[in-house]
Amino acid sequence: MKTYLYPTSRDAPRVSKNNGMRGSMLCVVLLFLVVFSILSVGLLKLASFNATAAGKDISASQAFWAAEAGIAQVCALAEKHATAPFESMAGMGTLPFVITGTTLPGSGTPGTYSVHIDYDPTWPSTNYIKKYEIVSTGVSKGGDTRVVGLHAELWTFANYMHASHFEQTPDGDPIYFSGVDVVDGPVYVNGQINIWSTPTFTKLVRSAATTVNYQNGGTASVFKGGLGLSAPLLDFQGLYSSDPVATVKAKAGLTLVGDYTLVFAADGTVAYTLTAGGGGGKPVTKALSSLNGAIYVNGNASVSGVVNGTVTVVAEKSIYIPSSITYASASGTNDPWRSSFNPAAVDDALGLMARQRVEVGGTAAINIHAAIMVTGDAGGNSWGFNATNKVMSIGQPKLNVYGSIAQYRRGVVGYVSGLGFAKNYKYDSRFNSISPPWWPYSTYLFSNWRQGG
């Protein structure tokens, strides 16, 4: 009889609890490694994406600052040649032209700029006032491109009702605006402005000085249109290097040798007579339209009459105004000081420019329609824009000037003691967009900055 031995529970295979736990932990570790690997790959991709994006941002910034560097280069060029149009600057040639350059010097990834300068397409290039469109394109080494645009306007010295370099005599005595004076237009002076009592200024007054010299009750309340101190210097010094008198001489359609009397007529002509030596002589008549916009006199000129047209008279020495000189289109009911005055109806323009002085004669009120400029500083109280009878007790008749006045050293037309003339100045606002022919430029004005073109 066979005997079978059956295993007891003691002999059965054993399953360890520790082995099961180890298996579970292994699964968890493997799952964690898979998740970590996925996250690591994602983070690496994200880091790579962020690095690429950061690189693009840096490249775009370099392109933008390269474009800005091009704009800065043009502004520096304008500041250096403040009295010259872009198209007449040395080496520039005719418009349009392009200025190129490299920015970020010394860096491993410099940018480049290309600046395109052309006339404002909405503005006739033949106008004496110049307006330009400036477009600067910056390119980074990474190939990104950014564009910045700017508008430039070249003002002339006819853009101010009153402008001067010195507001004092050669001896250093201040020249005042007094309580009887009215200046209806923008004022820009490099020297300290001197106020006696309560003159009236209707538009913004700017001075390169830090203070105003107030006397006899004068206060800042006289500046109805505002006061700006510490303004940048107006470039009167540039007048010497550019020599506007010589510029107009080269353009003039009529050159006169000697001292001459010029009488303008409402029919659009001017009659000129040699007056040197107290002579006289037979007048010669010319149409203003035949003079290329200018008359040059290599001595002194005396001017009067009614101007019908556009012309600049420039004298190598002085210009005298013995009686009124006005525009045909600004007379009668359209007088500039009438309430019915319509400046849009005025289509005449006169420029009077001299090296030594522009001097007003007579003892009665006088009307002058013109842009006036004296470029020199010969010394003595008689220079600049002045009056022959400034030291006479003539009742302070009004000196009515419709136009603009610019002078290197301000002349004297009257005194606070009651001598001479009272100023009654009204700015010809057309000079914001036009000027007398060949009038000298004063400064660039930049505006309308924009990104993208």
Protein backbone atom coordinates (compact mmCIF):
# COMPACT_ATOMS: atom_id res chain seq x y z
CA MET A 1 0.00 0.00 0.00
CA LYS A 2 1.47 3.22 -1.14
CA THR A 3 1.67 6.04 1.08
CA TYR A 4 1.39 9.63 -0.43
CA LEU A 5 2.90 12.53 1.29
CA TYR A 6 1.04 15.81 0.86
CA PRO A 7 2.85 18.97 1.49
CA THR A 8 1.78 20.83 4.47
CA SER A 9 1.24 24.51 4.60
CA ARG A 10 4.67 24.81 6.04
CA ASP A 11 6.13 23.43 2.77
CA ALA A 12 4.07 25.68 0.33
CA PRO A 13 5.85 28.51 -1.69
CA ARG A 14 5.90 31.77 0.22
CA VAL A 15 5.02 35.20 -1.27
CA SER A 16 6.88 38.02 0.53
CA LYS A 17 5.03 41.24 1.35
CA ASN A 18 8.30 43.13 0.86
CA ASN A 19 8.55 41.87 -2.72
CA GLY A 20 5.11 43.31 -3.51
CA MET A 21 6.03 46.66 -2.06
CA ARG A 22 9.20 46.76 -4.06
CA GLY A 23 7.28 46.13 -7.24
CA SER A 24 4.83 48.90 -6.51
CA MET A 25 7.65 51.35 -5.80
CA LEU A 26 9.30 50.42 -9.07
CA CYS A 27 6.14 51.27 -10.97
CA VAL A 28 5.88 54.59 -9.20
CA VAL A 29 9.52 55.41 -9.96
CA LEU A 30 9.10 54.49 -13.60
CA LEU A 31 5.97 56.61 -13.85
CA PHE A 32 7.75 59.53 -12.17
CA LEU A 33 10.67 59.19 -14.59
CA VAL A 34 8.30 59.25 -17.53
CA VAL A 35 6.49 62.31 -16.23
CA PHE A 36 9.78 64.02 -15.33
CA SER A 37 11.15 63.27 -18.79
CA ILE A 38 8.05 64.74 -20.40
CA LEU A 39 8.27 67.83 -18.19
CA SER A 40 11.98 68.18 -18.84
CA VAL A 41 11.47 68.04 -22.57
CA GLY A 42 8.67 70.61 -22.23
CA LEU A 43 10.77 72.88 -20.08
CA LEU A 44 13.69 72.60 -22.49
CA LYS A 45 11.38 73.48 -25.37
CA LEU A 46 9.91 76.35 -23.36
CA ALA A 47 13.38 77.59 -22.45
CA SER A 48 14.43 77.33 -26.07
CA PHE A 49 11.29 79.20 -27.12
CA ASN A 50 11.87 81.91 -24.50
CA ALA A 51 15.50 82.23 -25.55
CA THR A 52 14.43 82.56 -29.16
CA ALA A 53 11.78 85.12 -28.21
CA ALA A 54 14.27 87.02 -26.08
CA GLY A 55 16.70 86.99 -28.96
CA LYS A 56 14.02 88.33 -31.25
CA ASP A 57 13.17 91.05 -28.71
CA ILE A 58 16.84 92.04 -28.47
CA SER A 59 17.16 92.03 -32.25
CA ALA A 60 13.99 94.11 -32.62
CA SER A 61 15.25 96.57 -29.98
CA GLN A 62 18.58 96.87 -31.75
CA ALA A 63 16.74 97.62 -35.00
CA PHE A 64 14.60 100.29 -33.29
CA TRP A 65 17.58 102.01 -31.68
CA ALA A 66 19.44 101.88 -34.96
CA ALA A 67 16.50 103.74 -36.57
CA GLU A 68 16.56 106.24 -33.70
CA ALA A 69 20.31 106.70 -34.20
CA GLY A 70 19.59 107.68 -37.80
CA ILE A 71 17.06 110.29 -36.63
CA ALA A 72 19.59 111.61 -34.10
CA GLN A 73 22.19 111.92 -36.87
CA VAL A 74 19.83 114.04 -38.99
CA CYS A 75 18.93 116.26 -36.02
CA ALA A 76 22.64 116.79 -35.27
CA LEU A 77 23.19 117.69 -38.91
CA ALA A 78 20.36 120.23 -38.76
CA GLU A 79 21.74 121.72 -35.55
CA LYS A 80 25.19 122.10 -37.11
CA HIS A 81 23.80 123.78 -40.24
CA ALA A 82 20.80 125.54 -38.70
CA THR A 83 20.62 128.26 -41.34
CA ALA A 84 20.85 125.94 -44.38
CA PRO A 85 18.24 123.73 -46.08
CA PHE A 86 19.10 120.04 -46.24
CA GLU A 87 19.52 120.21 -50.01
CA SER A 88 22.21 122.89 -49.74
CA MET A 89 24.33 121.18 -47.09
CA ALA A 90 27.78 120.19 -48.27
CA GLY A 91 27.90 116.77 -49.90
CA MET A 92 24.16 116.17 -49.75
CA GLY A 93 23.21 116.98 -53.32
CA THR A 94 19.60 117.31 -54.43
CA LEU A 95 16.62 115.79 -52.71
CA PRO A 96 15.73 113.07 -52.10
CA PHE A 97 18.93 111.65 -50.63
CA VAL A 98 19.88 108.94 -48.14
CA ILE A 99 22.20 109.08 -45.13
CA THR A 100 23.56 105.73 -43.97
CA GLY A 101 25.54 104.72 -40.90
CA THR A 102 26.31 102.13 -38.23
CA THR A 103 25.22 102.31 -34.63
CA LEU A 104 26.24 100.52 -31.43
CA PRO A 105 29.99 100.93 -32.12
CA GLY A 106 32.25 98.38 -30.43
CA SER A 107 29.52 95.78 -29.93
CA GLY A 108 29.53 92.38 -31.55
CA THR A 109 26.14 92.93 -33.14
CA PRO A 110 25.96 96.47 -34.50
CA GLY A 111 22.92 97.79 -36.26
CA THR A 112 22.76 99.96 -39.35
CA TYR A 113 20.46 102.80 -40.37
CA SER A 114 19.37 104.33 -43.62
CA VAL A 115 17.66 107.74 -43.47
CA HIS A 116 15.62 108.96 -46.43
CA ILE A 117 15.09 112.76 -46.59
CA ASP A 118 12.70 114.36 -49.05
CA TYR A 119 10.35 117.31 -49.34
CA ASP A 120 7.03 117.04 -47.58
CA PRO A 121 4.81 115.74 -50.41
CA THR A 122 2.02 118.10 -49.34
CA TRP A 123 4.32 121.13 -49.56
CA PRO A 124 5.58 122.80 -52.77
CA SER A 125 9.38 122.46 -52.95
CA THR A 126 9.61 125.91 -54.55
CA ASN A 127 8.32 127.63 -51.41
CA TYR A 128 10.89 129.68 -49.50
CA ILE A 129 9.82 127.96 -46.27
CA LYS A 130 11.11 124.36 -46.34
CA LYS A 131 9.27 121.32 -45.00
CA TYR A 132 10.66 117.80 -45.08
CA GLU A 133 9.70 114.20 -44.37
CA ILE A 134 12.42 112.08 -42.73
CA VAL A 135 12.16 108.27 -42.62
CA SER A 136 14.84 106.26 -40.80
CA THR A 137 15.06 102.47 -41.25
CA GLY A 138 17.10 100.52 -38.70
CA VAL A 139 18.31 96.97 -39.32
CA SER A 140 19.83 94.71 -36.64
CA LYS A 141 22.43 92.06 -37.35
CA GLY A 142 19.71 89.52 -36.74
CA GLY A 143 17.80 90.94 -39.70
CA ASP A 144 14.99 92.68 -37.85
CA THR A 145 13.80 96.01 -39.28
CA ARG A 146 12.17 98.97 -37.60
CA VAL A 147 11.10 102.30 -39.13
CA VAL A 148 10.83 105.71 -37.45
CA GLY A 149 9.50 108.87 -39.12
CA LEU A 150 9.84 112.58 -38.37
CA HIS A 151 8.64 115.88 -39.82
CA ALA A 152 11.10 118.79 -40.15
CA GLU A 153 10.34 122.42 -40.85
CA LEU A 154 13.03 125.02 -41.51
CA TRP A 155 11.91 128.37 -40.11
CA THR A 156 13.15 131.72 -41.33
CA PHE A 157 13.88 134.90 -39.40
CA ALA A 158 10.45 136.09 -40.55
CA ASN A 159 8.85 133.64 -38.09
CA TYR A 160 9.08 136.19 -35.25
CA MET A 161 7.47 139.57 -34.69
CA HIS A 162 10.53 140.59 -32.75
CA ALA A 163 13.83 138.68 -32.59
CA SER A 164 17.26 139.82 -31.50
CA HIS A 165 20.63 138.62 -30.28
CA PHE A 166 21.36 141.61 -28.03
CA GLU A 167 18.67 143.54 -26.12
CA GLN A 168 21.14 146.25 -25.07
CA THR A 169 23.25 149.01 -26.57
CA PRO A 170 26.94 148.47 -27.34
CA ASP A 171 27.62 150.26 -24.03
CA GLY A 172 25.61 147.63 -22.17
CA ASP A 173 22.55 149.77 -21.41
CA PRO A 174 19.26 147.83 -21.53
CA ILE A 175 16.73 148.64 -24.27
CA TYR A 176 13.21 148.46 -22.85
CA PHE A 177 9.71 147.66 -23.97
CA SER A 178 7.66 150.39 -22.31
CA GLY A 179 4.05 150.82 -21.24
CA VAL A 180 2.96 152.35 -24.55
CA ASP A 181 4.22 149.39 -26.61
CA VAL A 182 2.05 146.62 -28.07
CA VAL A 183 3.68 143.55 -29.61
CA ASP A 184 1.08 141.29 -31.21
CA GLY A 185 3.19 138.34 -32.29
CA PRO A 186 5.86 135.83 -31.19
CA VAL A 187 9.05 137.19 -29.60
CA TYR A 188 12.40 135.38 -29.39
CA VAL A 189 15.50 137.02 -27.91
CA ASN A 190 18.87 135.63 -26.91
CA GLY A 191 19.51 138.37 -24.35
CA GLN A 192 17.61 139.37 -21.24
CA ILE A 193 14.31 141.04 -22.06
CA ASN A 194 13.78 144.43 -20.38
CA ILE A 195 10.31 145.54 -19.24
CA TRP A 196 9.43 149.09 -18.19
CA SER A 197 5.94 149.51 -16.75
CA THR A 198 3.24 147.53 -18.58
CA PRO A 199 3.77 146.88 -22.31
CA THR A 200 1.51 144.25 -23.90
CA PHE A 201 2.71 140.99 -25.45
CA THR A 202 -0.11 138.92 -26.92
CA LYS A 203 1.88 135.84 -28.01
CA LEU A 204 4.55 133.64 -26.50
CA VAL A 205 7.77 135.42 -25.54
CA ARG A 206 10.95 133.32 -25.32
CA SER A 207 14.36 134.34 -24.01
CA ALA A 208 17.63 132.46 -23.66
CA ALA A 209 18.21 134.35 -20.40
CA THR A 210 17.13 132.93 -17.05
CA THR A 211 15.44 136.09 -15.75
CA VAL A 212 13.55 139.19 -16.92
CA ASN A 213 14.59 142.75 -16.02
CA TYR A 214 11.41 144.32 -14.62
CA GLN A 215 11.42 148.07 -13.87
CA ASN A 216 8.88 150.75 -12.91
CA GLY A 217 6.09 148.35 -11.94
CA GLY A 218 6.56 145.78 -14.68
CA THR A 219 5.53 142.20 -13.86
CA ALA A 220 5.12 138.87 -15.64
CA SER A 221 1.45 139.75 -16.21
CA VAL A 222 2.48 141.69 -19.35
CA PHE A 223 3.13 138.35 -21.12
CA LYS A 224 -0.43 137.52 -22.13
CA GLY A 225 0.71 134.68 -24.39
CA GLY A 226 3.16 133.15 -21.93
CA LEU A 227 6.86 133.47 -21.14
CA GLY A 228 9.57 130.88 -21.76
CA LEU A 229 13.02 131.42 -20.24
CA SER A 230 16.28 129.50 -20.76
CA ALA A 231 15.31 128.91 -24.38
CA PRO A 232 17.96 127.62 -26.85
CA LEU A 233 19.95 130.36 -28.55
CA LEU A 234 18.59 131.55 -31.86
CA ASP A 235 21.39 131.21 -34.41
CA PHE A 236 22.13 134.83 -35.23
CA GLN A 237 25.83 133.92 -35.37
CA GLY A 238 25.05 131.75 -38.38
CA LEU A 239 24.13 134.89 -40.27
CA TYR A 240 27.79 135.79 -40.47
CA SER A 241 28.90 132.45 -41.88
CA SER A 242 25.96 132.20 -44.30
CA ASP A 243 25.94 135.96 -45.22
CA PRO A 244 22.31 136.39 -46.33
CA VAL A 245 23.08 139.77 -47.92
CA ALA A 246 25.49 138.08 -50.32
CA THR A 247 22.95 135.31 -50.92
CA VAL A 248 20.25 137.77 -51.98
CA LYS A 249 22.78 139.71 -54.05
CA ALA A 250 23.52 136.55 -56.03
CA LYS A 251 19.77 135.98 -56.67
CA ALA A 252 18.76 139.58 -57.40
CA GLY A 253 17.26 140.37 -60.76
CA LEU A 254 18.25 144.03 -60.32
CA THR A 255 21.61 145.26 -58.98
CA LEU A 256 22.09 148.96 -58.30
CA VAL A 257 25.48 150.58 -57.67
CA GLY A 258 25.37 153.65 -55.42
CA ASP A 259 22.65 155.11 -53.19
CA TYR A 260 19.12 154.82 -54.57
CA THR A 261 15.56 155.92 -53.88
CA LEU A 262 12.96 153.23 -54.59
CA VAL A 263 9.27 154.14 -54.87
CA PHE A 264 6.82 151.25 -55.21
CA ALA A 265 3.55 151.67 -57.07
CA ALA A 266 0.20 149.86 -56.76
CA ASP A 267 0.47 148.75 -60.40
CA GLY A 268 3.21 146.24 -59.46
CA THR A 269 6.23 148.33 -60.42
CA VAL A 270 9.12 150.07 -58.70
CA ALA A 271 10.77 153.29 -59.84
CA TYR A 272 14.40 153.74 -58.79
CA THR A 273 16.50 156.87 -58.91
CA LEU A 274 20.18 157.43 -58.19
CA THR A 275 20.45 159.76 -55.19
CA ALA A 276 24.17 159.67 -54.37
CA GLY A 277 25.64 163.12 -53.84
CA GLY A 278 22.20 164.67 -53.44
CA GLY A 279 21.69 164.15 -57.15
CA GLY A 280 18.41 163.05 -58.61
CA GLY A 281 18.37 161.81 -62.13
CA LYS A 282 15.71 160.21 -64.25
CA PRO A 283 13.69 157.41 -62.60
CA VAL A 284 13.76 153.96 -64.16
CA THR A 285 10.71 151.73 -63.75
CA LYS A 286 10.70 147.94 -63.52
CA ALA A 287 7.94 145.38 -62.93
CA LEU A 288 8.44 143.44 -59.71
CA SER A 289 7.67 140.24 -61.59
CA SER A 290 10.86 140.70 -63.63
CA LEU A 291 13.28 140.91 -60.68
CA ASN A 292 13.60 137.24 -59.63
CA GLY A 293 12.23 138.33 -56.27
CA ALA A 294 15.05 140.65 -55.23
CA ILE A 295 16.76 144.04 -55.61
CA TYR A 296 20.34 144.55 -54.42
CA VAL A 297 21.75 148.02 -53.67
CA ASN A 298 25.47 148.18 -52.93
CA GLY A 299 25.03 151.46 -50.98
CA ASN A 300 22.03 152.91 -49.14
CA ALA A 301 18.40 152.55 -50.19
CA SER A 302 15.38 154.72 -49.42
CA VAL A 303 12.03 152.93 -49.83
CA SER A 304 8.39 154.06 -49.81
CA GLY A 305 5.10 153.59 -51.65
CA VAL A 306 2.63 150.74 -52.18
CA VAL A 307 3.89 147.23 -52.91
CA ASN A 308 1.87 145.06 -55.28
CA GLY A 309 3.80 141.81 -55.60
CA THR A 310 6.62 139.99 -53.84
CA VAL A 311 10.15 141.34 -53.50
CA THR A 312 13.11 141.64 -51.14
CA VAL A 313 15.25 144.78 -51.07
CA VAL A 314 18.72 144.27 -49.63
CA ALA A 315 21.23 147.07 -48.99
CA GLU A 316 24.95 146.68 -48.43
CA LYS A 317 24.75 149.61 -46.01
CA SER A 318 21.40 150.96 -44.72
CA ILE A 319 17.72 151.21 -45.64
CA TYR A 320 15.74 154.37 -44.83
CA ILE A 321 11.94 154.57 -44.63
CA PRO A 322 10.98 158.27 -44.87
CA SER A 323 7.23 157.62 -45.11
CA SER A 324 4.80 154.73 -45.10
CA ILE A 325 5.36 151.65 -47.23
CA THR A 326 2.35 149.31 -47.38
CA TYR A 327 0.79 146.42 -49.31
CA ALA A 328 -1.81 147.06 -51.98
CA SER A 329 -3.80 144.10 -50.60
CA ALA A 330 -3.66 145.40 -46.99
CA SER A 331 -5.04 148.90 -47.35
CA GLY A 332 -8.36 150.70 -47.05
CA THR A 333 -10.92 148.56 -45.21
CA ASN A 334 -8.40 145.72 -45.09
CA ASP A 335 -5.92 147.68 -42.99
CA PRO A 336 -4.19 145.27 -40.54
CA TRP A 337 -5.39 147.26 -37.52
CA ARG A 338 -9.06 147.35 -38.50
CA SER A 339 -11.49 144.87 -36.96
CA SER A 340 -12.55 143.93 -40.52
CA PHE A 341 -8.98 142.91 -41.48
CA ASN A 342 -8.78 139.65 -43.43
CA PRO A 343 -5.19 138.33 -43.55
CA ALA A 344 -6.18 135.69 -46.11
CA ALA A 345 -6.80 138.51 -48.61
CA VAL A 346 -3.18 139.71 -48.36
CA ASP A 347 -1.03 138.41 -51.21
CA ASP A 348 1.89 140.87 -51.24
CA ALA A 349 5.19 140.43 -49.40
CA LEU A 350 8.15 142.77 -48.88
CA GLY A 351 11.50 142.06 -47.30
CA LEU A 352 13.85 144.85 -46.17
CA MET A 353 17.35 143.66 -45.25
CA ALA A 354 20.45 145.73 -44.50
CA ARG A 355 23.84 145.20 -42.91
CA GLN A 356 23.95 148.42 -40.87
CA ARG A 357 20.44 149.67 -40.11
CA VAL A 358 16.82 150.04 -41.16
CA GLU A 359 15.84 153.54 -40.07
CA VAL A 360 12.42 155.19 -39.87
CA GLY A 361 12.18 158.94 -40.54
CA GLY A 362 9.58 161.61 -39.82
CA THR A 363 7.75 162.75 -36.71
CA ALA A 364 4.24 161.38 -37.38
CA ALA A 365 2.68 157.92 -37.24
CA ILE A 366 3.99 155.65 -39.97
CA ASN A 367 2.78 152.34 -41.45
CA ILE A 368 5.25 149.68 -42.54
CA HIS A 369 4.23 146.36 -44.10
CA ALA A 370 7.37 144.24 -44.36
CA ALA A 371 9.67 141.66 -42.90
CA ILE A 372 12.64 143.67 -41.61
CA MET A 373 16.12 142.40 -40.85
CA VAL A 374 19.44 143.99 -39.84
CA THR A 375 22.29 141.48 -39.96
CA GLY A 376 25.22 143.55 -38.68
CA ASP A 377 26.43 144.99 -35.40
CA ALA A 378 28.48 148.07 -36.28
CA GLY A 379 28.01 149.68 -32.86
CA GLY A 380 26.34 152.88 -31.72
CA ASN A 381 22.69 153.46 -30.81
CA SER A 382 21.74 154.19 -34.41
CA TRP A 383 22.17 150.61 -35.63
CA GLY A 384 19.52 147.93 -35.88
CA PHE A 385 15.89 148.87 -36.53
CA ASN A 386 15.67 152.43 -35.25
CA ALA A 387 14.12 155.86 -35.72
CA THR A 388 15.94 159.02 -36.79
CA ASN A 389 13.96 161.09 -34.27
CA LYS A 390 14.08 158.64 -31.39
CA VAL A 391 15.51 161.30 -29.06
CA MET A 392 12.94 163.96 -30.00
CA SER A 393 9.80 164.86 -28.08
CA ILE A 394 7.33 164.17 -30.89
CA GLY A 395 4.44 162.82 -28.78
CA GLN A 396 5.29 159.14 -29.28
CA PRO A 397 3.33 158.60 -32.52
CA LYS A 398 2.70 154.97 -33.36
CA LEU A 399 5.18 152.99 -35.39
CA ASN A 400 2.75 150.53 -36.99
CA VAL A 401 4.66 147.53 -38.31
CA TYR A 402 2.75 144.67 -39.93
CA GLY A 403 5.23 141.89 -40.59
CA SER A 404 8.30 140.88 -38.59
CA ILE A 405 11.53 142.36 -37.22
CA ALA A 406 14.82 140.55 -36.68
CA GLN A 407 18.05 142.31 -35.74
CA TYR A 408 21.40 141.20 -34.39
CA ARG A 409 21.57 144.15 -31.98
CA ARG A 410 18.26 145.78 -31.22
CA GLY A 411 17.97 149.41 -32.26
CA VAL A 412 16.05 152.18 -30.51
CA VAL A 413 12.82 153.74 -31.84
CA GLY A 414 11.83 155.53 -28.62
CA TYR A 415 12.60 155.94 -24.93
CA VAL A 416 10.66 155.28 -21.75
CA SER A 417 10.94 158.99 -20.96
CA GLY A 418 8.43 159.70 -23.76
CA LEU A 419 10.80 160.46 -26.64
CA GLY A 420 10.51 159.01 -30.12
CA PHE A 421 7.89 156.47 -31.28
CA ALA A 422 5.60 153.98 -29.55
CA LYS A 423 5.70 150.43 -30.93
CA ASN A 424 2.53 149.00 -32.41
CA TYR A 425 3.65 145.70 -33.92
CA LYS A 426 1.38 143.10 -35.51
CA TYR A 427 2.83 139.82 -36.78
CA ASP A 428 2.08 138.76 -40.35
CA SER A 429 1.01 135.18 -39.63
CA ARG A 430 1.46 134.25 -43.30
CA PHE A 431 5.19 134.11 -42.52
CA ASN A 432 4.55 130.79 -40.79
CA SER A 433 4.19 129.28 -44.25
CA ILE A 434 5.74 131.80 -46.64
CA SER A 435 8.46 134.43 -46.43
CA PRO A 436 9.87 137.22 -48.57
CA PRO A 437 12.09 135.85 -51.35
CA TRP A 438 15.47 134.45 -50.28
CA TRP A 439 14.88 135.30 -46.61
CA PRO A 440 17.50 133.72 -44.30
CA TYR A 441 16.70 130.60 -42.32
CA SER A 442 16.89 130.54 -38.53
CA THR A 443 16.29 127.07 -37.08
CA TYR A 444 14.82 123.61 -37.65
CA LEU A 445 11.63 122.55 -35.90
CA PHE A 446 11.03 118.79 -35.60
CA SER A 447 7.59 117.32 -34.96
CA ASN A 448 5.20 114.42 -35.66
CA TRP A 449 7.51 111.61 -34.51
CA ARG A 450 5.99 108.23 -35.29
CA GLN A 451 7.05 104.60 -35.42
CA GLY A 452 6.35 102.46 -38.43
CA GLY A 453 6.86 105.03 -41.22
